[in-house]
Protein backbone atom coordinates (compact mmCIF):
# COMPACT_ATOMS: atom_id res chain seq x y z
CA UNK A 1 15.14 -2.38 9.11
CA UNK A 2 11.54 -3.39 8.38
CA UNK A 3 12.60 -5.22 5.23
CA UNK A 4 15.05 -7.25 7.30
CA UNK A 5 12.29 -8.03 9.81
CA UNK A 6 9.98 -9.17 7.02
CA UNK A 7 12.66 -11.41 5.54
CA UNK A 8 13.24 -12.81 9.02
CA UNK A 9 9.58 -13.90 9.24
CA UNK A 10 9.94 -15.83 5.98
CA UNK A 11 13.24 -17.31 7.14
CA UNK A 12 11.74 -18.46 10.45
CA UNK A 13 8.81 -20.16 8.74
CA UNK A 14 11.18 -21.77 6.25
CA UNK A 15 13.28 -23.03 9.15
CA UNK A 16 10.17 -24.41 10.84
CA UNK A 17 9.33 -26.35 7.67
CA UNK A 18 12.92 -27.62 7.45
CA UNK A 19 12.79 -28.95 11.02
CA UNK A 20 9.35 -30.45 10.48
CA UNK A 21 10.34 -32.21 7.28
CA UNK A 22 13.73 -33.53 8.43
CA UNK A 23 12.81 -35.02 11.79
CA UNK A 24 11.18 -38.35 12.56
CA UNK A 25 8.11 -36.63 13.98
CA UNK A 26 6.20 -36.67 10.72
CA UNK A 27 7.10 -40.04 9.22
CA UNK A 28 4.58 -41.01 6.58
CA UNK A 29 2.74 -44.28 7.16
CA UNK A 30 0.10 -46.01 5.10
CA UNK A 31 -2.44 -45.79 7.89
CA UNK A 32 -5.28 -43.76 6.38
CA UNK A 33 -5.57 -41.11 9.10
CA UNK A 34 -1.82 -40.54 9.46
CA UNK A 35 -1.36 -40.55 5.69
CA UNK A 36 -4.02 -37.88 5.17
CA UNK A 37 -2.74 -35.82 8.07
CA UNK A 38 0.81 -35.89 6.69
CA UNK A 39 -0.38 -34.69 3.26
CA UNK A 40 -2.50 -31.99 4.85
CA UNK A 41 0.55 -30.75 6.75
CA UNK A 42 2.49 -30.48 3.47
CA UNK A 43 -0.38 -28.58 1.88
CA UNK A 44 -0.69 -26.13 4.78
CA UNK A 45 2.94 -25.37 5.68
CA UNK A 46 4.04 -24.76 2.10
CA UNK A 47 0.86 -22.85 1.40
CA UNK A 48 1.68 -20.53 4.28
CA UNK A 49 5.25 -20.17 2.98
CA UNK A 50 4.02 -18.96 -0.41
CA UNK A 51 1.40 -16.72 1.22
CA UNK A 52 3.99 -15.01 3.44
CA UNK A 53 6.09 -14.05 0.44
CA UNK A 54 3.01 -12.64 -1.27
CA UNK A 55 1.65 -10.88 1.81
CA UNK A 56 4.93 -9.18 2.63
CA UNK A 57 6.03 -8.05 -0.83
CA UNK A 58 3.05 -8.03 -3.22
CA UNK A 59 1.81 -4.53 -2.35
CA UNK A 60 5.21 -2.89 -2.60
CA UNK A 61 6.54 -4.46 -5.77
CA UNK A 62 5.18 -5.61 -9.12
CA UNK A 63 2.38 -8.05 -8.29
CA UNK A 64 3.02 -10.39 -11.22
CA UNK A 65 6.75 -10.57 -10.54
CA UNK A 66 6.25 -11.25 -6.82
CA UNK A 67 3.74 -13.99 -7.65
CA UNK A 68 6.20 -15.72 -9.98
CA UNK A 69 9.01 -15.41 -7.42
CA UNK A 70 6.77 -16.80 -4.65
CA UNK A 71 5.81 -19.79 -6.78
CA UNK A 72 9.34 -20.57 -7.97
CA UNK A 73 10.94 -20.09 -4.54
CA UNK A 74 8.37 -22.30 -2.82
CA UNK A 75 8.49 -25.07 -5.42
CA UNK A 76 12.30 -25.14 -5.42
CA UNK A 77 12.27 -25.35 -1.62
CA UNK A 78 9.81 -28.25 -1.74
CA UNK A 79 12.03 -30.22 -4.11
CA UNK A 80 15.17 -29.46 -2.07
CA UNK A 81 13.59 -30.74 1.12
CA UNK A 82 12.31 -33.89 -0.55
CA UNK A 83 15.73 -34.50 -2.09
CA UNK A 84 17.31 -34.02 1.35
CA UNK A 85 15.09 -36.77 2.72
CA UNK A 86 16.89 -39.25 0.46
CA UNK A 87 19.90 -38.75 2.74
CA UNK A 88 17.97 -39.40 5.94
CA UNK A 89 17.45 -43.00 7.14
CA UNK A 90 14.07 -42.29 8.69
CA UNK A 91 12.62 -40.27 5.80
CA UNK A 92 11.71 -41.07 2.20
CA UNK A 93 11.41 -39.13 -1.06
CA UNK A 94 7.74 -38.79 -2.04
CA UNK A 95 6.20 -37.39 -5.21
CA UNK A 96 2.87 -37.32 -3.38
CA UNK A 97 4.35 -35.00 -0.74
CA UNK A 98 5.71 -32.78 -3.51
CA UNK A 99 2.29 -32.71 -5.19
CA UNK A 100 0.51 -31.69 -1.98
CA UNK A 101 3.17 -29.09 -1.15
CA UNK A 102 2.92 -27.53 -4.61
CA UNK A 103 -0.88 -27.62 -4.40
CA UNK A 104 -0.72 -25.64 -1.16
CA UNK A 105 1.65 -23.08 -2.67
CA UNK A 106 -0.37 -22.64 -5.86
CA UNK A 107 -3.62 -22.32 -3.89
CA UNK A 108 -2.34 -19.68 -1.47
CA UNK A 109 -0.20 -17.74 -3.93
CA UNK A 110 -2.65 -17.55 -6.82
CA UNK A 111 -5.52 -17.08 -4.38
CA UNK A 112 -3.85 -14.02 -2.89
CA UNK A 113 -2.90 -12.80 -6.36
CA UNK A 114 -6.53 -12.82 -7.52
CA UNK A 115 -7.63 -11.30 -4.22
CA UNK A 116 -5.31 -8.33 -4.70
CA UNK A 117 -6.14 -8.02 -8.37
CA UNK A 118 -9.92 -8.37 -8.31
CA UNK A 119 -11.40 -8.44 -4.81
CA UNK A 120 -9.44 -5.84 -2.82
CA UNK A 121 -9.81 -3.05 -5.42
CA UNK A 122 -13.59 -3.37 -5.08
CA UNK A 123 -13.68 -3.67 -1.29
CA UNK A 124 -10.98 -1.22 -0.26
CA UNK A 125 -10.27 1.04 -3.20
CA UNK A 126 -8.91 4.36 -1.95
CA UNK A 127 -8.55 7.64 -3.86
CA UNK A 128 -5.84 9.53 -2.00
CA UNK A 129 -5.64 13.26 -2.59
CA UNK A 130 -1.96 14.08 -2.51
CA UNK A 131 -0.67 17.62 -2.15
CA UNK A 132 3.08 17.09 -2.40
CA UNK A 133 5.69 14.35 -2.53
CA UNK A 134 6.92 14.86 1.03
CA UNK A 135 3.54 14.17 2.61
CA UNK A 136 2.44 11.79 -0.12
CA UNK A 137 5.24 9.26 0.20
CA UNK A 138 4.66 8.71 3.91
CA UNK A 139 0.85 8.56 3.77
CA UNK A 140 0.87 6.31 0.70
CA UNK A 141 3.22 3.91 2.43
CA UNK A 142 0.86 3.71 5.41
CA UNK A 143 -2.33 3.26 3.41
CA UNK A 144 -1.14 0.61 0.95
CA UNK A 145 -0.96 -1.79 3.88
CA UNK A 146 -4.77 -1.79 4.05
CA UNK A 147 -6.10 -0.23 0.85
CA UNK A 148 -5.77 -0.42 -2.92
CA UNK A 149 -4.54 3.15 -3.34
CA UNK A 150 -4.78 5.42 -6.35
CA UNK A 151 -3.07 8.80 -6.09
CA UNK A 152 -5.05 11.91 -7.03
CA UNK A 153 -3.20 15.16 -7.71
CA UNK A 154 -5.50 18.15 -7.73
CA UNK A 155 -3.92 21.35 -6.43
CA UNK A 156 -4.90 24.35 -8.57
CA UNK A 157 -3.68 26.78 -5.91
CA UNK A 158 -0.03 25.97 -6.57
CA UNK A 159 1.87 28.86 -8.09
CA UNK A 160 3.89 29.38 -10.24
CA UNK A 161 3.25 26.70 -12.83
CA UNK A 162 6.92 25.67 -12.72
CA UNK A 163 6.38 24.73 -9.07
CA UNK A 164 3.26 22.78 -10.05
CA UNK A 165 5.17 20.82 -12.70
CA UNK A 166 7.98 20.12 -10.27
CA UNK A 167 5.55 18.57 -7.79
CA UNK A 168 3.85 16.51 -10.50
CA UNK A 169 7.21 14.96 -11.39
CA UNK A 170 7.76 14.01 -7.75
CA UNK A 171 4.25 12.56 -7.41
CA UNK A 172 4.88 10.37 -10.45
CA UNK A 173 8.07 9.20 -8.77
CA UNK A 174 6.08 8.06 -5.72
CA UNK A 175 3.54 6.29 -7.93
CA UNK A 176 6.40 4.43 -9.62
CA UNK A 177 8.12 3.55 -6.33
CA UNK A 178 4.97 2.04 -4.82
CA UNK A 179 3.49 0.72 -8.08
CA UNK A 180 0.37 2.91 -7.75
CA UNK A 181 -2.01 4.34 -10.32
CA UNK A 182 -2.21 8.11 -10.49
CA UNK A 183 -4.84 10.58 -11.67
CA UNK A 184 -3.71 14.13 -12.41
CA UNK A 185 -6.57 16.62 -12.62
CA UNK A 186 -6.56 19.71 -14.81
CA UNK A 187 -4.54 22.65 -13.52
CA UNK A 188 -6.73 25.77 -13.28
CA UNK A 189 -5.06 28.40 -11.14
CA UNK A 190 -7.21 31.23 -12.48
CA UNK A 191 -10.35 29.38 -11.39
CA UNK A 192 -8.82 28.87 -7.95
CA UNK A 193 -8.07 32.60 -7.68
CA UNK A 194 -11.73 33.33 -8.44
CA UNK A 195 -12.87 30.95 -5.69
CA UNK A 196 -10.59 32.59 -3.13
CA UNK A 197 -11.27 36.15 -4.29
CA UNK A 198 -11.55 38.55 -1.38
CA UNK A 199 -9.47 36.26 0.84
CA UNK A 200 -6.02 36.82 -0.64
CA UNK A 201 -4.90 38.75 2.43
CA UNK A 202 -6.14 36.16 4.90
CA UNK A 203 -3.48 34.76 7.24
CA UNK A 204 -2.24 31.21 6.83
CA UNK A 205 -4.84 28.84 8.25
CA UNK A 206 -7.58 31.41 7.72
CA UNK A 207 -10.69 31.42 5.55
CA UNK A 208 -8.73 31.22 2.29
CA UNK A 209 -7.18 27.94 3.42
CA UNK A 210 -10.61 26.57 4.39
CA UNK A 211 -11.90 27.35 0.89
CA UNK A 212 -8.83 25.67 -0.57
CA UNK A 213 -9.28 22.55 1.61
CA UNK A 214 -12.92 22.23 0.58
CA UNK A 215 -12.16 22.77 -3.10
CA UNK A 216 -9.56 20.01 -3.17
CA UNK A 217 -11.53 17.58 -1.05
CA UNK A 218 -14.72 18.10 -3.04
CA UNK A 219 -12.90 17.45 -6.30
CA UNK A 220 -11.48 14.28 -4.73
CA UNK A 221 -14.94 13.15 -3.58
CA UNK A 222 -16.41 13.82 -7.03
CA UNK A 223 -13.62 11.88 -8.75
CA UNK A 224 -13.91 9.02 -6.25
CA UNK A 225 -17.64 8.80 -6.84
CA UNK A 226 -17.25 8.84 -10.62
CA UNK A 227 -14.41 6.31 -10.49
CA UNK A 228 -16.41 4.04 -8.14
CA UNK A 229 -13.83 4.15 -5.35
CA UNK A 230 -15.05 3.06 -1.93
CA UNK A 231 -12.97 5.56 0.06
CA UNK A 232 -11.30 8.92 -0.29
CA UNK A 233 -8.98 10.89 1.96
CA UNK A 234 -6.15 13.42 1.80
CA UNK A 235 -2.52 13.78 2.83
CA UNK A 236 -3.24 17.33 4.02
CA UNK A 237 -3.45 16.36 7.69
CA UNK A 238 0.19 15.24 7.86
CA UNK A 239 1.33 18.86 7.92
CA UNK A 240 1.58 20.56 11.33
CA UNK A 241 0.36 23.75 9.61
CA UNK A 242 -2.96 22.19 8.55
CA UNK A 243 -6.10 22.01 10.67
CA UNK A 244 -6.85 18.27 10.82
CA UNK A 245 -10.13 18.78 12.69
CA UNK A 246 -11.46 21.13 10.02
CA UNK A 247 -10.20 18.95 7.16
CA UNK A 248 -11.91 15.88 8.61
CA UNK A 249 -15.11 17.86 9.17
CA UNK A 250 -15.14 18.92 5.51
CA UNK A 251 -14.41 15.35 4.45
CA UNK A 252 -17.29 13.95 6.53
CA UNK A 253 -19.75 16.45 5.06
CA UNK A 254 -18.66 15.67 1.52
CA UNK A 255 -18.90 11.94 2.23
CA UNK A 256 -22.57 12.39 3.13
CA UNK A 257 -23.21 14.60 0.13
CA UNK A 258 -21.65 12.23 -2.41
CA UNK A 259 -22.47 8.93 -0.72
CA UNK A 260 -18.92 7.70 -0.38
CA UNK A 261 -16.71 6.76 2.59
CA UNK A 262 -14.22 9.29 3.91
CA UNK A 263 -11.23 8.04 5.90
CA UNK A 264 -10.82 10.36 8.88
CA UNK A 265 -7.18 10.57 9.86
CA UNK A 266 -4.66 12.87 11.44
CA UNK A 267 -1.51 11.65 9.75
CA UNK A 268 0.71 13.97 11.80
CA UNK A 269 0.07 11.80 14.87
CA UNK A 270 2.76 9.41 16.10
CA UNK A 271 5.48 11.66 14.61
CA UNK A 272 3.91 11.40 11.17
CA UNK A 273 5.35 14.70 9.97
CA UNK A 274 8.81 13.83 11.25
CA UNK A 275 8.64 10.43 9.59
CA UNK A 276 7.52 12.03 6.33
CA UNK A 277 10.62 14.24 6.35
CA UNK A 278 12.88 11.27 7.05
CA UNK A 279 11.29 9.25 4.25
CA UNK A 280 11.57 12.18 1.83
CA UNK A 281 15.29 12.44 2.51
CA UNK A 282 15.71 8.70 2.10
CA UNK A 283 13.91 8.74 -1.25
CA UNK A 284 15.62 11.98 -2.31
CA UNK A 285 12.31 13.75 -2.87
CA UNK A 286 11.85 17.46 -3.44
CA UNK A 287 10.40 19.30 -0.44
CA UNK A 288 8.96 22.76 -1.03
CA UNK A 289 9.30 25.52 1.57
CA UNK A 290 5.74 26.85 1.25
CA UNK A 291 2.25 25.37 0.97
CA UNK A 292 1.70 26.22 -2.68
CA UNK A 293 -0.13 29.44 -3.49
CA UNK A 294 1.53 32.80 -4.01
CA UNK A 295 -0.08 34.14 -0.85
CA UNK A 296 1.37 31.43 1.38
CA UNK A 297 4.75 32.03 -0.24
CA UNK A 298 4.64 35.68 0.78
């Protein structure tokens, strides 16, 4: 539904350009002011057309491919409209109009391309700790609208190893779907058992879980700091079984300790968990029936 809505925005702007370029309202004259205004209009409206294609699709699909498609689509549309003006008695074919239209498209399209490629990663680079595919797909989809996201899979508590490998495969699937980079940390379940020693009989949501939250978030903060990311956060809060207040408190403390920004969120809000389930089914993702460790499974 959203894809249709996005395409509709492009269609409406394209229709606006069509009306503008095929009516007598913008007849080109040789008067200096009107001439410059007419060329500026061509530069702006086609520049916006190329930008809309980039803005709507560049973060969900291959950036290079979307850039090429935006350029080709816009340029073809410019030539079609100018050719159409040969058939209209009150309009005229103009290579100057074509040049200004293409200039607008190239400026906006390549400008946005370089922004996404070089500027955004430095300003809004996000290391997203991801615990499983079900939560990860939904949260990733939300964050890529505002951040340059890299997935980080660090979950040493997952047991058995076959379950761990199964989740890694699903995380890689999400990375491929959304064209995201992914970092997979070393799996060390024995080390995790040592950290939670004495808490193996704690109830779900108890002290063992708090230790587990802090372990995963601290590793994320360390990796974000080393990798020079500007932000870090976790998908943990999308689960109704996780304490979002405590997770955000741990994140804030680690942010101060490591000198990096922590994005405080409660992704279960606004039916986040329900939406994550729906998206998982749509993408045919594996959804586990326990948090991860052998104690939660029991």
